[in-house]
Amino acid sequence: MLDTTSRVYDFLSDALSKGEIERGDYITEQYLADNLGLSRTPVREALVELSAENILEKIPRRGYRFRRYTKQDARDLYQLIGLLDGKVAEGTVDLMSEEDLSLMSFLIDSMDSAVENGLYTKYNELQAQFHNIYIKKHPNPYLVADLKTKKSAFVGKTYEHVNSPKLKDLLLVSNDEHRQILKLFRAKDGSELRHYIEDVHWNGIYALYDNWK
C-alpha cells in the first residue's frame, strides 16, 4: 500500500477494533480527512485503492463501507494466504539470523502472556510482528505485496462474535503453531515449513473466527 493508503487503512482498522466505528457504517472522505489531518484528494485516492483491493466497497451517494465476506469467502482467502505465506517462509529459511529467531521466540512468549491476560488485540499485534520478521526478508517484493494485500482483507481484530473461553483456547493453539513454525525455521526445513503453514496454520477452520463479518 502507498503511505496515505496505509494511514487510512490503519486508522480504520484501529477505529474498528476500538468500537469507534461499526462494519456497516458508511465512511466518507470528509470523516477521514478530518480525523487524519489530510486533504480530501489523497484520502479519495486511498479509498479508491482500498476499494480496488477489496477491503472497502463504494456505495453510491453514501461513501464507502467495509466489504462483506461470506464464510466461504473467508475460507477461500485463508487458502490463498496460506499458499503465499508458505511460499514466502520457504524462501526465507536460509536468510534468517539467530537474532531473528530469538526475536520470534520472544514474541511467542509475549503472545502467551497476552492471551492469558485477555489482551487479544495485543496478541494480534504481536503475531503480525512474528510473521513480518520472515516476510520482510523475502527478496520478491511482488510476492510480499500480494501476501500483505490478501491479509489486509481481515480488517480489525476484536473477535466480538467469539466467546472468550473458546477464543482463549483457539489463540493458545495458534501460538503453539508459532512454536512449530519457529522449530522448522531453526531446522531449515523449508519444504515442511511451507506445508505446515499452508495446511495447518492457515487452516480454513480458523477463518470462521476471524473478522469476516
N, C-alpha and C. Protein backbone atom coordinates (compact mmCIF):
# COMPACT_ATOMS: atom_id res chain seq x y z
N MET A 1 0.83 -1.19 0.00
CA MET A 1 0.00 0.00 0.00
C MET A 1 0.87 1.26 0.00
N LEU A 2 0.35 2.33 -0.62
CA LEU A 2 1.02 3.62 -0.55
C LEU A 2 0.91 4.16 0.86
N ASP A 3 1.75 5.14 1.19
CA ASP A 3 1.77 5.67 2.55
C ASP A 3 0.41 6.17 3.03
N THR A 4 -0.25 7.00 2.21
CA THR A 4 -1.54 7.54 2.62
C THR A 4 -2.57 6.43 2.74
N THR A 5 -2.54 5.47 1.83
CA THR A 5 -3.47 4.35 1.90
C THR A 5 -3.24 3.54 3.17
N SER A 6 -1.98 3.35 3.53
CA SER A 6 -1.66 2.62 4.76
C SER A 6 -2.17 3.38 5.98
N ARG A 7 -2.04 4.70 5.96
CA ARG A 7 -2.53 5.50 7.08
C ARG A 7 -4.05 5.38 7.22
N VAL A 8 -4.74 5.43 6.10
CA VAL A 8 -6.19 5.30 6.13
C VAL A 8 -6.59 3.91 6.61
N TYR A 9 -5.92 2.90 6.09
CA TYR A 9 -6.22 1.52 6.49
C TYR A 9 -5.98 1.33 7.98
N ASP A 10 -4.84 1.78 8.48
CA ASP A 10 -4.50 1.62 9.90
C ASP A 10 -5.50 2.36 10.78
N PHE A 11 -5.90 3.55 10.36
CA PHE A 11 -6.88 4.32 11.13
C PHE A 11 -8.21 3.57 11.21
N LEU A 12 -8.67 3.05 10.08
CA LEU A 12 -9.94 2.34 10.05
C LEU A 12 -9.88 1.04 10.85
N SER A 13 -8.77 0.33 10.74
CA SER A 13 -8.61 -0.91 11.49
C SER A 13 -8.62 -0.64 12.99
N ASP A 14 -7.92 0.41 13.40
CA ASP A 14 -7.85 0.76 14.82
C ASP A 14 -9.22 1.22 15.33
N ALA A 15 -9.90 2.04 14.55
CA ALA A 15 -11.22 2.53 14.96
C ALA A 15 -12.22 1.38 15.06
N LEU A 16 -12.11 0.43 14.15
CA LEU A 16 -13.00 -0.73 14.18
C LEU A 16 -12.72 -1.59 15.41
N SER A 17 -11.45 -1.81 15.70
CA SER A 17 -11.07 -2.63 16.86
C SER A 17 -11.52 -1.98 18.17
N LYS A 18 -11.50 -0.65 18.23
CA LYS A 18 -11.88 0.07 19.45
C LYS A 18 -13.39 0.29 19.55
N GLY A 19 -14.13 -0.10 18.52
CA GLY A 19 -15.57 0.09 18.54
C GLY A 19 -16.01 1.50 18.21
N GLU A 20 -15.11 2.30 17.66
CA GLU A 20 -15.45 3.69 17.32
C GLU A 20 -16.26 3.76 16.03
N ILE A 21 -16.13 2.74 15.19
CA ILE A 21 -16.97 2.59 14.01
C ILE A 21 -17.42 1.14 13.93
N GLU A 22 -18.52 0.91 13.22
CA GLU A 22 -19.05 -0.44 13.03
C GLU A 22 -18.82 -0.87 11.59
N ARG A 23 -18.90 -2.17 11.35
CA ARG A 23 -18.63 -2.67 10.00
C ARG A 23 -19.62 -2.16 8.97
N GLY A 24 -20.83 -1.88 9.39
CA GLY A 24 -21.84 -1.41 8.46
C GLY A 24 -21.88 0.09 8.27
N ASP A 25 -21.04 0.82 9.02
CA ASP A 25 -21.05 2.28 8.93
C ASP A 25 -20.53 2.75 7.57
N TYR A 26 -21.05 3.88 7.13
CA TYR A 26 -20.53 4.49 5.90
C TYR A 26 -19.34 5.37 6.24
N ILE A 27 -18.31 5.28 5.44
CA ILE A 27 -17.06 6.00 5.66
C ILE A 27 -16.93 7.05 4.55
N THR A 28 -16.82 8.30 4.93
CA THR A 28 -16.75 9.37 3.94
C THR A 28 -15.35 9.97 3.86
N GLU A 29 -15.09 10.63 2.74
CA GLU A 29 -13.81 11.32 2.57
C GLU A 29 -13.63 12.37 3.66
N GLN A 30 -14.69 13.11 3.96
CA GLN A 30 -14.58 14.18 4.94
C GLN A 30 -14.26 13.65 6.33
N TYR A 31 -14.87 12.53 6.70
CA TYR A 31 -14.61 11.92 8.01
C TYR A 31 -13.13 11.57 8.15
N LEU A 32 -12.56 10.98 7.12
CA LEU A 32 -11.15 10.58 7.17
C LEU A 32 -10.24 11.81 7.11
N ALA A 33 -10.58 12.75 6.26
CA ALA A 33 -9.76 13.97 6.16
C ALA A 33 -9.71 14.70 7.49
N ASP A 34 -10.85 14.80 8.17
CA ASP A 34 -10.90 15.49 9.45
C ASP A 34 -10.08 14.77 10.52
N ASN A 35 -10.17 13.46 10.54
CA ASN A 35 -9.50 12.68 11.59
C ASN A 35 -8.02 12.47 11.33
N LEU A 36 -7.62 12.51 10.09
CA LEU A 36 -6.21 12.27 9.75
C LEU A 36 -5.45 13.55 9.42
N GLY A 37 -6.16 14.66 9.34
CA GLY A 37 -5.50 15.92 9.02
C GLY A 37 -4.98 15.96 7.60
N LEU A 38 -5.72 15.35 6.68
CA LEU A 38 -5.31 15.31 5.28
C LEU A 38 -6.33 16.03 4.43
N SER A 39 -5.90 16.41 3.23
CA SER A 39 -6.86 16.99 2.29
C SER A 39 -7.67 15.85 1.68
N ARG A 40 -8.77 16.19 1.05
CA ARG A 40 -9.66 15.15 0.54
C ARG A 40 -9.09 14.41 -0.67
N THR A 41 -8.20 15.06 -1.43
CA THR A 41 -7.68 14.41 -2.64
C THR A 41 -6.89 13.14 -2.32
N PRO A 42 -5.88 13.17 -1.43
CA PRO A 42 -5.18 11.92 -1.13
C PRO A 42 -6.07 10.90 -0.43
N VAL A 43 -7.04 11.37 0.37
CA VAL A 43 -7.98 10.46 1.01
C VAL A 43 -8.83 9.75 -0.04
N ARG A 44 -9.29 10.52 -1.04
CA ARG A 44 -10.09 9.94 -2.12
C ARG A 44 -9.29 8.87 -2.86
N GLU A 45 -8.03 9.15 -3.14
CA GLU A 45 -7.17 8.18 -3.84
C GLU A 45 -6.96 6.93 -2.99
N ALA A 46 -6.81 7.11 -1.68
CA ALA A 46 -6.63 5.96 -0.78
C ALA A 46 -7.89 5.10 -0.76
N LEU A 47 -9.05 5.72 -0.73
CA LEU A 47 -10.30 4.97 -0.71
C LEU A 47 -10.49 4.17 -2.00
N VAL A 48 -10.10 4.77 -3.11
CA VAL A 48 -10.19 4.07 -4.40
C VAL A 48 -9.28 2.85 -4.38
N GLU A 49 -8.07 3.01 -3.84
CA GLU A 49 -7.13 1.88 -3.78
C GLU A 49 -7.64 0.78 -2.86
N LEU A 50 -8.17 1.16 -1.70
CA LEU A 50 -8.70 0.16 -0.76
C LEU A 50 -9.91 -0.56 -1.35
N SER A 51 -10.66 0.13 -2.16
CA SER A 51 -11.77 -0.50 -2.85
C SER A 51 -11.27 -1.48 -3.91
N ALA A 52 -10.22 -1.10 -4.63
CA ALA A 52 -9.64 -1.98 -5.65
C ALA A 52 -9.05 -3.23 -5.02
N GLU A 53 -8.60 -3.12 -3.77
CA GLU A 53 -8.03 -4.27 -3.06
C GLU A 53 -9.09 -5.08 -2.31
N ASN A 54 -10.36 -4.75 -2.56
CA ASN A 54 -11.48 -5.48 -1.97
C ASN A 54 -11.55 -5.39 -0.45
N ILE A 55 -11.04 -4.30 0.10
CA ILE A 55 -11.14 -4.06 1.53
C ILE A 55 -12.38 -3.21 1.82
N LEU A 56 -12.64 -2.25 0.95
CA LEU A 56 -13.84 -1.42 1.04
C LEU A 56 -14.67 -1.59 -0.22
N GLU A 57 -15.93 -1.18 -0.14
CA GLU A 57 -16.77 -1.13 -1.33
C GLU A 57 -17.45 0.23 -1.38
N LYS A 58 -17.57 0.78 -2.58
CA LYS A 58 -18.18 2.11 -2.73
C LYS A 58 -19.69 1.98 -2.85
N ILE A 59 -20.39 2.78 -2.05
CA ILE A 59 -21.84 2.82 -2.09
C ILE A 59 -22.25 4.18 -2.66
N PRO A 60 -22.87 4.21 -3.83
CA PRO A 60 -23.23 5.49 -4.46
C PRO A 60 -23.97 6.43 -3.52
N ARG A 61 -23.51 7.67 -3.47
CA ARG A 61 -24.11 8.76 -2.69
C ARG A 61 -24.05 8.53 -1.17
N ARG A 62 -23.37 7.50 -0.73
CA ARG A 62 -23.25 7.24 0.70
C ARG A 62 -21.80 7.28 1.19
N GLY A 63 -20.87 6.88 0.34
CA GLY A 63 -19.48 6.77 0.74
C GLY A 63 -18.97 5.36 0.55
N TYR A 64 -18.18 4.91 1.48
CA TYR A 64 -17.62 3.57 1.43
C TYR A 64 -17.98 2.82 2.71
N ARG A 65 -17.90 1.50 2.65
CA ARG A 65 -18.03 0.69 3.85
C ARG A 65 -17.18 -0.57 3.67
N PHE A 66 -16.93 -1.26 4.76
CA PHE A 66 -16.12 -2.46 4.68
C PHE A 66 -16.82 -3.51 3.82
N ARG A 67 -16.05 -4.13 2.95
CA ARG A 67 -16.63 -5.18 2.11
C ARG A 67 -17.07 -6.35 2.96
N ARG A 68 -18.20 -6.90 2.65
CA ARG A 68 -18.74 -8.03 3.40
C ARG A 68 -18.24 -9.34 2.79
N TYR A 69 -17.80 -10.25 3.64
CA TYR A 69 -17.32 -11.56 3.19
C TYR A 69 -18.20 -12.66 3.76
N THR A 70 -18.51 -13.64 2.94
CA THR A 70 -19.24 -14.81 3.42
C THR A 70 -18.25 -15.76 4.09
N LYS A 71 -18.77 -16.79 4.75
CA LYS A 71 -17.90 -17.79 5.36
C LYS A 71 -17.01 -18.45 4.30
N GLN A 72 -17.60 -18.72 3.13
CA GLN A 72 -16.81 -19.35 2.07
C GLN A 72 -15.75 -18.41 1.54
N ASP A 73 -16.08 -17.11 1.44
CA ASP A 73 -15.08 -16.13 1.03
C ASP A 73 -13.87 -16.18 1.97
N ALA A 74 -14.16 -16.22 3.28
CA ALA A 74 -13.09 -16.23 4.27
C ALA A 74 -12.23 -17.48 4.14
N ARG A 75 -12.87 -18.63 3.95
CA ARG A 75 -12.11 -19.88 3.77
C ARG A 75 -11.22 -19.79 2.53
N ASP A 76 -11.78 -19.27 1.45
CA ASP A 76 -11.01 -19.16 0.20
C ASP A 76 -9.82 -18.22 0.38
N LEU A 77 -10.02 -17.12 1.10
CA LEU A 77 -8.93 -16.19 1.36
C LEU A 77 -7.85 -16.84 2.21
N TYR A 78 -8.27 -17.59 3.23
CA TYR A 78 -7.29 -18.28 4.07
C TYR A 78 -6.45 -19.25 3.25
N GLN A 79 -7.09 -19.96 2.32
CA GLN A 79 -6.35 -20.90 1.49
C GLN A 79 -5.30 -20.17 0.66
N LEU A 80 -5.68 -19.04 0.09
CA LEU A 80 -4.74 -18.28 -0.74
C LEU A 80 -3.62 -17.68 0.11
N ILE A 81 -3.98 -17.15 1.29
CA ILE A 81 -2.96 -16.59 2.18
C ILE A 81 -1.98 -17.67 2.60
N GLY A 82 -2.51 -18.87 2.89
CA GLY A 82 -1.63 -19.97 3.28
C GLY A 82 -0.62 -20.32 2.20
N LEU A 83 -1.09 -20.33 0.95
CA LEU A 83 -0.19 -20.63 -0.18
C LEU A 83 0.92 -19.58 -0.28
N LEU A 84 0.53 -18.32 -0.17
CA LEU A 84 1.51 -17.23 -0.29
C LEU A 84 2.46 -17.19 0.91
N ASP A 85 1.90 -17.33 2.11
CA ASP A 85 2.72 -17.26 3.31
C ASP A 85 3.70 -18.44 3.37
N GLY A 86 3.21 -19.62 3.00
CA GLY A 86 4.09 -20.79 2.97
C GLY A 86 5.24 -20.62 1.99
N LYS A 87 4.92 -20.07 0.82
CA LYS A 87 5.94 -19.82 -0.20
C LYS A 87 6.98 -18.83 0.30
N VAL A 88 6.51 -17.76 0.96
CA VAL A 88 7.43 -16.75 1.49
C VAL A 88 8.33 -17.35 2.57
N ALA A 89 7.74 -18.11 3.48
CA ALA A 89 8.53 -18.71 4.56
C ALA A 89 9.59 -19.65 4.01
N GLU A 90 9.22 -20.48 3.05
CA GLU A 90 10.17 -21.42 2.45
C GLU A 90 11.34 -20.66 1.82
N GLY A 91 11.03 -19.52 1.22
CA GLY A 91 12.07 -18.76 0.54
C GLY A 91 12.97 -17.96 1.45
N THR A 92 12.67 -17.94 2.75
CA THR A 92 13.49 -17.16 3.68
C THR A 92 14.23 -18.01 4.71
N VAL A 93 14.06 -19.33 4.63
CA VAL A 93 14.67 -20.23 5.62
C VAL A 93 16.17 -19.98 5.78
N ASP A 94 16.86 -19.79 4.68
CA ASP A 94 18.32 -19.62 4.74
C ASP A 94 18.73 -18.16 4.95
N LEU A 95 17.75 -17.27 5.11
CA LEU A 95 18.06 -15.85 5.28
C LEU A 95 17.89 -15.37 6.72
N MET A 96 17.39 -16.26 7.57
CA MET A 96 17.09 -15.88 8.94
C MET A 96 18.35 -15.94 9.81
N SER A 97 18.55 -14.87 10.59
CA SER A 97 19.69 -14.83 11.51
C SER A 97 19.28 -15.36 12.87
N GLU A 98 20.25 -15.61 13.72
CA GLU A 98 19.94 -16.07 15.08
C GLU A 98 19.18 -14.98 15.83
N GLU A 99 19.49 -13.73 15.55
CA GLU A 99 18.76 -12.63 16.17
C GLU A 99 17.29 -12.66 15.76
N ASP A 100 17.02 -12.94 14.48
CA ASP A 100 15.64 -13.05 14.00
C ASP A 100 14.89 -14.15 14.75
N LEU A 101 15.53 -15.30 14.88
CA LEU A 101 14.90 -16.45 15.52
C LEU A 101 14.68 -16.20 17.01
N SER A 102 15.61 -15.52 17.64
CA SER A 102 15.47 -15.19 19.06
C SER A 102 14.30 -14.22 19.27
N LEU A 103 14.15 -13.28 18.36
CA LEU A 103 13.04 -12.33 18.45
C LEU A 103 11.71 -13.06 18.26
N MET A 104 11.66 -14.01 17.36
CA MET A 104 10.44 -14.80 17.17
C MET A 104 10.09 -15.56 18.44
N SER A 105 11.11 -16.10 19.10
CA SER A 105 10.88 -16.82 20.36
C SER A 105 10.34 -15.88 21.43
N PHE A 106 10.90 -14.69 21.52
CA PHE A 106 10.43 -13.69 22.48
C PHE A 106 8.97 -13.32 22.21
N LEU A 107 8.61 -13.16 20.95
CA LEU A 107 7.24 -12.80 20.59
C LEU A 107 6.27 -13.92 20.93
N ILE A 108 6.69 -15.17 20.78
CA ILE A 108 5.84 -16.30 21.16
C ILE A 108 5.52 -16.25 22.65
N ASP A 109 6.52 -16.01 23.46
CA ASP A 109 6.30 -15.90 24.91
C ASP A 109 5.38 -14.71 25.23
N SER A 110 5.57 -13.62 24.51
CA SER A 110 4.74 -12.44 24.73
C SER A 110 3.29 -12.71 24.33
N MET A 111 3.11 -13.48 23.28
CA MET A 111 1.75 -13.82 22.85
C MET A 111 1.05 -14.69 23.89
N ASP A 112 1.77 -15.63 24.48
CA ASP A 112 1.19 -16.44 25.55
C ASP A 112 0.70 -15.55 26.69
N SER A 113 1.52 -14.59 27.07
CA SER A 113 1.17 -13.68 28.14
C SER A 113 -0.05 -12.84 27.77
N ALA A 114 -0.10 -12.38 26.53
CA ALA A 114 -1.23 -11.57 26.09
C ALA A 114 -2.53 -12.36 26.15
N VAL A 115 -2.50 -13.61 25.72
CA VAL A 115 -3.71 -14.44 25.74
C VAL A 115 -4.14 -14.72 27.17
N GLU A 116 -3.19 -15.08 28.03
CA GLU A 116 -3.51 -15.39 29.41
C GLU A 116 -4.14 -14.20 30.13
N ASN A 117 -3.79 -13.00 29.70
CA ASN A 117 -4.32 -11.79 30.33
C ASN A 117 -5.49 -11.17 29.56
N GLY A 118 -5.99 -11.90 28.56
CA GLY A 118 -7.15 -11.43 27.81
C GLY A 118 -6.87 -10.26 26.89
N LEU A 119 -5.61 -10.03 26.56
CA LEU A 119 -5.24 -8.91 25.68
C LEU A 119 -5.20 -9.39 24.23
N TYR A 120 -6.38 -9.64 23.68
CA TYR A 120 -6.45 -10.30 22.38
C TYR A 120 -6.04 -9.39 21.22
N THR A 121 -6.32 -8.10 21.34
CA THR A 121 -5.86 -7.18 20.31
C THR A 121 -4.34 -7.10 20.31
N LYS A 122 -3.75 -7.09 21.50
CA LYS A 122 -2.28 -7.09 21.61
C LYS A 122 -1.71 -8.37 21.01
N TYR A 123 -2.39 -9.49 21.24
CA TYR A 123 -1.94 -10.76 20.65
C TYR A 123 -1.82 -10.61 19.13
N ASN A 124 -2.80 -9.99 18.52
CA ASN A 124 -2.76 -9.85 17.07
C ASN A 124 -1.64 -8.94 16.61
N GLU A 125 -1.35 -7.91 17.37
CA GLU A 125 -0.21 -7.05 17.03
C GLU A 125 1.09 -7.85 17.08
N LEU A 126 1.22 -8.69 18.11
CA LEU A 126 2.44 -9.48 18.29
C LEU A 126 2.59 -10.55 17.21
N GLN A 127 1.47 -11.20 16.86
CA GLN A 127 1.58 -12.25 15.85
C GLN A 127 1.90 -11.66 14.48
N ALA A 128 1.41 -10.43 14.23
CA ALA A 128 1.78 -9.77 12.97
C ALA A 128 3.28 -9.49 12.95
N GLN A 129 3.84 -9.05 14.08
CA GLN A 129 5.29 -8.83 14.18
C GLN A 129 6.06 -10.12 13.95
N PHE A 130 5.55 -11.21 14.51
CA PHE A 130 6.19 -12.53 14.37
C PHE A 130 6.33 -12.90 12.89
N HIS A 131 5.23 -12.82 12.17
CA HIS A 131 5.26 -13.21 10.75
C HIS A 131 6.06 -12.22 9.90
N ASN A 132 6.02 -10.96 10.26
CA ASN A 132 6.73 -9.95 9.47
C ASN A 132 8.25 -10.11 9.55
N ILE A 133 8.74 -10.78 10.58
CA ILE A 133 10.18 -10.99 10.69
C ILE A 133 10.71 -11.73 9.47
N TYR A 134 10.01 -12.77 9.05
CA TYR A 134 10.49 -13.50 7.87
C TYR A 134 9.91 -12.95 6.56
N ILE A 135 8.70 -12.39 6.64
CA ILE A 135 8.11 -11.85 5.41
C ILE A 135 8.98 -10.76 4.81
N LYS A 136 9.49 -9.86 5.65
CA LYS A 136 10.29 -8.74 5.14
C LYS A 136 11.65 -9.20 4.60
N LYS A 137 12.02 -10.44 4.87
CA LYS A 137 13.30 -10.97 4.38
C LYS A 137 13.20 -11.48 2.94
N HIS A 138 12.00 -11.73 2.46
CA HIS A 138 11.87 -12.35 1.14
C HIS A 138 12.29 -11.39 0.04
N PRO A 139 13.07 -11.86 -0.92
CA PRO A 139 13.61 -10.97 -1.96
C PRO A 139 12.63 -10.57 -3.06
N ASN A 140 11.45 -11.20 -3.10
CA ASN A 140 10.49 -10.89 -4.16
C ASN A 140 9.43 -9.92 -3.63
N PRO A 141 9.55 -8.63 -3.94
CA PRO A 141 8.61 -7.63 -3.38
C PRO A 141 7.19 -7.81 -3.88
N TYR A 142 7.01 -8.38 -5.06
CA TYR A 142 5.67 -8.58 -5.60
C TYR A 142 4.93 -9.67 -4.83
N LEU A 143 5.62 -10.73 -4.49
CA LEU A 143 5.03 -11.81 -3.71
C LEU A 143 4.66 -11.31 -2.31
N VAL A 144 5.56 -10.54 -1.73
CA VAL A 144 5.32 -9.98 -0.39
C VAL A 144 4.13 -9.02 -0.41
N ALA A 145 4.07 -8.17 -1.42
CA ALA A 145 2.98 -7.20 -1.53
C ALA A 145 1.64 -7.91 -1.69
N ASP A 146 1.62 -8.97 -2.48
CA ASP A 146 0.38 -9.72 -2.69
C ASP A 146 -0.08 -10.38 -1.39
N LEU A 147 0.86 -10.94 -0.64
CA LEU A 147 0.53 -11.56 0.64
C LEU A 147 -0.06 -10.52 1.60
N LYS A 148 0.58 -9.38 1.70
CA LYS A 148 0.10 -8.35 2.62
C LYS A 148 -1.27 -7.84 2.22
N THR A 149 -1.53 -7.72 0.92
CA THR A 149 -2.84 -7.26 0.45
C THR A 149 -3.93 -8.25 0.82
N LYS A 150 -3.66 -9.55 0.64
CA LYS A 150 -4.66 -10.56 0.97
C LYS A 150 -4.92 -10.59 2.48
N LYS A 151 -3.88 -10.44 3.28
CA LYS A 151 -4.06 -10.42 4.74
C LYS A 151 -4.88 -9.22 5.18
N SER A 152 -4.71 -8.11 4.49
CA SER A 152 -5.36 -6.87 4.91
C SER A 152 -6.87 -6.92 4.73
N ALA A 153 -7.39 -7.93 4.03
CA ALA A 153 -8.84 -8.06 3.86
C ALA A 153 -9.53 -8.23 5.20
N PHE A 154 -8.82 -8.83 6.19
CA PHE A 154 -9.39 -9.04 7.51
C PHE A 154 -9.05 -7.82 8.38
N VAL A 155 -9.94 -6.84 8.34
CA VAL A 155 -9.69 -5.56 8.99
C VAL A 155 -10.17 -5.61 10.44
N GLY A 156 -9.34 -5.09 11.36
CA GLY A 156 -9.75 -5.05 12.76
C GLY A 156 -9.61 -6.42 13.41
N LYS A 157 -9.39 -6.43 14.71
CA LYS A 157 -9.18 -7.69 15.42
C LYS A 157 -9.83 -7.64 16.80
N THR A 158 -11.16 -7.64 16.83
CA THR A 158 -11.84 -7.57 18.12
C THR A 158 -12.44 -8.89 18.56
N TYR A 159 -12.71 -9.79 17.64
CA TYR A 159 -13.28 -11.11 17.95
C TYR A 159 -14.56 -11.02 18.78
N GLU A 160 -15.38 -10.03 18.51
CA GLU A 160 -16.57 -9.84 19.32
C GLU A 160 -17.55 -11.00 19.23
N HIS A 161 -17.53 -11.75 18.12
CA HIS A 161 -18.50 -12.80 17.90
C HIS A 161 -18.03 -14.16 18.40
N VAL A 162 -16.89 -14.22 19.10
CA VAL A 162 -16.38 -15.48 19.63
C VAL A 162 -16.39 -15.39 21.15
N ASN A 163 -16.95 -16.42 21.81
CA ASN A 163 -16.99 -16.36 23.27
C ASN A 163 -15.58 -16.48 23.83
N SER A 164 -15.33 -15.80 24.95
CA SER A 164 -13.99 -15.62 25.48
C SER A 164 -13.24 -16.92 25.79
N PRO A 165 -13.85 -17.90 26.51
CA PRO A 165 -13.11 -19.15 26.80
C PRO A 165 -12.68 -19.88 25.53
N LYS A 166 -13.57 -19.93 24.53
CA LYS A 166 -13.22 -20.60 23.28
C LYS A 166 -12.12 -19.85 22.55
N LEU A 167 -12.21 -18.53 22.56
CA LEU A 167 -11.20 -17.72 21.89
C LEU A 167 -9.83 -17.93 22.52
N LYS A 168 -9.78 -17.96 23.85
CA LYS A 168 -8.51 -18.17 24.54
C LYS A 168 -7.88 -19.48 24.10
N ASP A 169 -8.68 -20.54 24.06
CA ASP A 169 -8.16 -21.85 23.65
C ASP A 169 -7.66 -21.81 22.20
N LEU A 170 -8.42 -21.15 21.33
CA LEU A 170 -8.04 -21.06 19.92
C LEU A 170 -6.70 -20.34 19.74
N LEU A 171 -6.53 -19.25 20.47
CA LEU A 171 -5.30 -18.48 20.32
C LEU A 171 -4.10 -19.19 20.93
N LEU A 172 -4.32 -19.95 21.99
CA LEU A 172 -3.21 -20.73 22.56
C LEU A 172 -2.77 -21.82 21.59
N VAL A 173 -3.75 -22.43 20.92
CA VAL A 173 -3.41 -23.44 19.89
C VAL A 173 -2.64 -22.77 18.75
N SER A 174 -3.12 -21.60 18.34
CA SER A 174 -2.45 -20.88 17.27
C SER A 174 -1.01 -20.54 17.66
N ASN A 175 -0.80 -20.18 18.91
CA ASN A 175 0.55 -19.84 19.32
C ASN A 175 1.45 -21.07 19.41
N ASP A 176 0.87 -22.22 19.73
CA ASP A 176 1.65 -23.46 19.65
C ASP A 176 2.11 -23.71 18.22
N GLU A 177 1.28 -23.31 17.27
CA GLU A 177 1.68 -23.42 15.86
C GLU A 177 2.85 -22.49 15.56
N HIS A 178 2.86 -21.32 16.18
CA HIS A 178 4.02 -20.42 16.02
C HIS A 178 5.29 -21.09 16.52
N ARG A 179 5.17 -21.84 17.60
CA ARG A 179 6.35 -22.57 18.11
C ARG A 179 6.85 -23.59 17.09
N GLN A 180 5.91 -24.27 16.45
CA GLN A 180 6.31 -25.25 15.44
C GLN A 180 6.93 -24.57 14.23
N ILE A 181 6.39 -23.43 13.84
CA ILE A 181 6.97 -22.67 12.73
C ILE A 181 8.41 -22.29 13.06
N LEU A 182 8.63 -21.81 14.27
CA LEU A 182 9.99 -21.44 14.69
C LEU A 182 10.90 -22.66 14.69
N LYS A 183 10.40 -23.79 15.15
CA LYS A 183 11.19 -25.02 15.17
C LYS A 183 11.63 -25.40 13.76
N LEU A 184 10.73 -25.27 12.81
CA LEU A 184 11.05 -25.62 11.42
C LEU A 184 12.02 -24.61 10.80
N PHE A 185 11.90 -23.35 11.20
CA PHE A 185 12.88 -22.36 10.74
C PHE A 185 14.27 -22.73 11.27
N ARG A 186 14.33 -23.09 12.54
CA ARG A 186 15.62 -23.46 13.13
C ARG A 186 16.22 -24.69 12.44
N ALA A 187 15.34 -25.62 12.05
CA ALA A 187 15.80 -26.84 11.37
C ALA A 187 16.11 -26.60 9.90
N LYS A 188 15.77 -25.41 9.40
CA LYS A 188 15.96 -25.06 7.99
C LYS A 188 15.26 -26.05 7.05
N ASP A 189 14.11 -26.52 7.50
CA ASP A 189 13.31 -27.46 6.71
C ASP A 189 12.25 -26.68 5.94
N GLY A 190 12.66 -26.09 4.83
CA GLY A 190 11.78 -25.23 4.07
C GLY A 190 10.55 -25.92 3.53
N SER A 191 10.70 -27.14 3.05
CA SER A 191 9.58 -27.87 2.47
C SER A 191 8.51 -28.17 3.52
N GLU A 192 8.91 -28.66 4.67
CA GLU A 192 7.95 -28.97 5.73
C GLU A 192 7.35 -27.68 6.30
N LEU A 193 8.14 -26.63 6.37
CA LEU A 193 7.66 -25.35 6.85
C LEU A 193 6.55 -24.83 5.95
N ARG A 194 6.78 -24.89 4.66
CA ARG A 194 5.77 -24.43 3.71
C ARG A 194 4.48 -25.24 3.85
N HIS A 195 4.63 -26.55 3.94
CA HIS A 195 3.47 -27.44 4.10
C HIS A 195 2.71 -27.11 5.38
N TYR A 196 3.43 -26.89 6.47
CA TYR A 196 2.80 -26.65 7.76
C TYR A 196 2.02 -25.33 7.76
N ILE A 197 2.62 -24.30 7.20
CA ILE A 197 1.94 -23.00 7.16
C ILE A 197 0.70 -23.07 6.27
N GLU A 198 0.82 -23.72 5.12
CA GLU A 198 -0.31 -23.83 4.19
C GLU A 198 -1.47 -24.62 4.77
N ASP A 199 -1.17 -25.80 5.30
CA ASP A 199 -2.22 -26.76 5.65
C ASP A 199 -2.67 -26.72 7.10
N VAL A 200 -1.82 -26.19 7.98
CA VAL A 200 -2.16 -26.18 9.41
C VAL A 200 -2.42 -24.76 9.91
N HIS A 201 -1.41 -23.91 9.77
CA HIS A 201 -1.52 -22.58 10.36
C HIS A 201 -2.61 -21.73 9.71
N TRP A 202 -2.82 -21.89 8.41
CA TRP A 202 -3.88 -21.15 7.73
C TRP A 202 -5.04 -22.07 7.38
N ASN A 203 -5.35 -22.99 8.27
CA ASN A 203 -6.48 -23.89 8.08
C ASN A 203 -7.77 -23.06 7.96
N GLY A 204 -8.61 -23.42 7.00
CA GLY A 204 -9.84 -22.67 6.77
C GLY A 204 -10.79 -22.63 7.95
N ILE A 205 -10.65 -23.57 8.88
CA ILE A 205 -11.49 -23.57 10.08
C ILE A 205 -11.32 -22.26 10.85
N TYR A 206 -10.08 -21.76 10.91
CA TYR A 206 -9.81 -20.53 11.64
C TYR A 206 -10.51 -19.32 11.02
N ALA A 207 -10.79 -19.41 9.73
CA ALA A 207 -11.43 -18.28 9.05
C ALA A 207 -12.77 -17.93 9.68
N LEU A 208 -13.43 -18.92 10.25
CA LEU A 208 -14.74 -18.69 10.85
C LEU A 208 -14.66 -17.79 12.07
N TYR A 209 -13.46 -17.69 12.66
CA TYR A 209 -13.30 -16.89 13.86
C TYR A 209 -12.63 -15.54 13.59
N ASP A 210 -12.27 -15.32 12.35
CA ASP A 210 -11.67 -14.03 12.02
C ASP A 210 -12.78 -13.03 11.74
N ASN A 211 -12.39 -11.80 11.49
CA ASN A 211 -13.39 -10.73 11.31
C ASN A 211 -13.88 -10.65 9.88
N TRP A 212 -14.55 -11.71 9.44
CA TRP A 212 -15.07 -11.70 8.08
C TRP A 212 -16.46 -11.10 8.00
N LYS A 213 -17.10 -10.84 9.14
CA LYS A 213 -18.48 -10.35 9.14
C LYS A 213 -18.57 -8.95 8.54
